[in-house]
Amino acid sequence: MESKDELRLYSLSEAAKFLGISRMTLSNLIDCGKIDFINSPTGKRKQFTEKILRNYLENQKNRLPELTRRMEDVKVSNSGISEFDLNKIFDKIRYEVLDAKK
């Protein structure tokens, strides 16, 4: 039987935070069919179980060394860039490295 934590449903914002990505990136993953979700009873909201989120993270583990290397390259070469712009660049790299190769 599943525990209470395994049955908890995460909203889009909560799931994005859990995964360490932006809501926009998570929405893109949903649109591309790269992450599973559960529709709310009304069908208007996407929800996620912890199992779905952990499975997604587990599938990404092999791609993390490349992601880390590319992000470090960006930090070094763009030391004067704003944090907001740096996060946008990181989201793009995450998508390219973690999701485009599925």
Protein backbone atom coordinates (compact mmCIF):
# COMPACT_ATOMS: atom_id res chain seq x y z
CA MET A 1 0.00 0.00 0.00
CA GLU A 2 1.29 3.47 -0.88
CA SER A 3 2.15 5.92 1.88
CA LYS A 4 0.49 9.29 2.34
CA ASP A 5 3.53 11.05 0.80
CA GLU A 6 3.38 8.84 -2.29
CA LEU A 7 -0.28 9.77 -2.82
CA ARG A 8 0.25 13.52 -2.40
CA LEU A 9 -0.44 15.48 -5.57
CA TYR A 10 1.90 18.31 -6.53
CA SER A 11 0.72 21.36 -8.46
CA LEU A 12 2.65 22.61 -11.48
CA SER A 13 4.49 25.17 -9.32
CA GLU A 14 5.27 22.65 -6.59
CA ALA A 15 6.47 20.08 -9.12
CA ALA A 16 8.71 22.63 -10.84
CA LYS A 17 10.24 23.56 -7.50
CA PHE A 18 10.69 19.86 -6.61
CA LEU A 19 12.51 19.31 -9.92
CA GLY A 20 14.54 22.52 -9.69
CA ILE A 21 13.21 23.91 -12.96
CA SER A 22 10.95 26.79 -13.92
CA ARG A 23 7.21 26.41 -14.43
CA MET A 24 7.74 27.25 -18.11
CA THR A 25 10.27 24.45 -18.51
CA LEU A 26 7.92 22.00 -16.82
CA SER A 27 5.08 23.13 -19.09
CA ASN A 28 7.33 22.55 -22.10
CA LEU A 29 8.16 19.05 -20.85
CA ILE A 30 4.44 18.31 -20.53
CA ASP A 31 3.72 19.67 -24.02
CA CYS A 32 6.50 17.51 -25.47
CA GLY A 33 5.30 14.41 -23.62
CA LYS A 34 8.55 14.08 -21.68
CA ILE A 35 7.01 13.88 -18.22
CA ASP A 36 3.88 12.11 -17.04
CA PHE A 37 1.12 13.90 -15.17
CA ILE A 38 -2.36 13.38 -13.80
CA ASN A 39 -5.26 15.57 -14.83
CA SER A 40 -7.26 17.09 -11.98
CA PRO A 41 -10.87 15.92 -11.71
CA THR A 42 -11.96 19.01 -13.67
CA GLY A 43 -9.28 18.39 -16.29
CA LYS A 44 -8.05 21.98 -16.01
CA ARG A 45 -4.89 21.38 -13.98
CA LYS A 46 -1.90 19.11 -14.32
CA GLN A 47 -0.83 17.33 -11.16
CA PHE A 48 2.10 15.11 -10.27
CA THR A 49 2.77 12.40 -7.72
CA GLU A 50 6.13 12.18 -6.03
CA LYS A 51 6.67 8.89 -7.86
CA ILE A 52 6.24 10.62 -11.24
CA LEU A 53 8.69 13.35 -10.25
CA ARG A 54 11.26 10.93 -8.86
CA ASN A 55 11.02 8.72 -11.95
CA TYR A 56 11.67 11.75 -14.13
CA LEU A 57 14.71 12.70 -12.04
CA GLU A 58 16.03 9.14 -12.11
CA ASN A 59 15.81 9.12 -15.91
CA GLN A 60 17.87 12.31 -16.03
CA LYS A 61 20.76 11.19 -13.81
CA ASN A 62 22.95 10.00 -16.67
CA ARG A 63 22.77 13.42 -18.29
CA LEU A 64 23.84 15.41 -15.22
CA PRO A 65 27.63 15.48 -15.85
CA GLU A 66 27.08 17.17 -19.22
CA LEU A 67 24.56 19.57 -17.68
CA THR A 68 26.98 20.51 -14.89
CA ARG A 69 29.84 21.07 -17.32
CA ARG A 70 27.78 23.29 -19.61
CA MET A 71 26.41 25.34 -16.72
CA GLU A 72 29.91 25.90 -15.32
CA ASP A 73 31.05 27.04 -18.78
CA VAL A 74 28.20 29.57 -18.85
CA LYS A 75 29.00 30.86 -15.34
CA VAL A 76 32.65 31.41 -16.21
CA SER A 77 32.05 33.04 -19.57
CA ASN A 78 29.12 35.23 -18.40
CA SER A 79 30.23 36.43 -14.99
CA GLY A 80 28.67 39.87 -15.55
CA ILE A 81 25.21 38.62 -16.60
CA SER A 82 22.12 39.20 -14.42
CA GLU A 83 20.81 36.34 -12.30
CA PHE A 84 17.50 36.44 -14.20
CA ASP A 85 19.22 36.05 -17.57
CA LEU A 86 21.54 33.39 -16.20
CA ASN A 87 18.53 31.38 -15.01
CA LYS A 88 16.95 31.65 -18.46
CA ILE A 89 20.18 30.33 -19.99
CA PHE A 90 20.27 27.49 -17.42
CA ASP A 91 16.67 26.55 -18.23
CA LYS A 92 17.61 26.36 -21.91
CA ILE A 93 20.64 24.18 -21.15
CA ARG A 94 18.55 21.93 -18.89
CA TYR A 95 16.06 21.45 -21.67
CA GLU A 96 18.76 20.75 -24.27
CA VAL A 97 20.73 18.33 -22.11
CA LEU A 98 18.08 16.65 -20.03
CA ASP A 99 15.12 16.51 -22.38
CA ALA A 100 16.11 16.77 -26.01
CA LYS A 101 18.01 13.47 -25.92
CA LYS A 102 15.16 11.34 -24.64
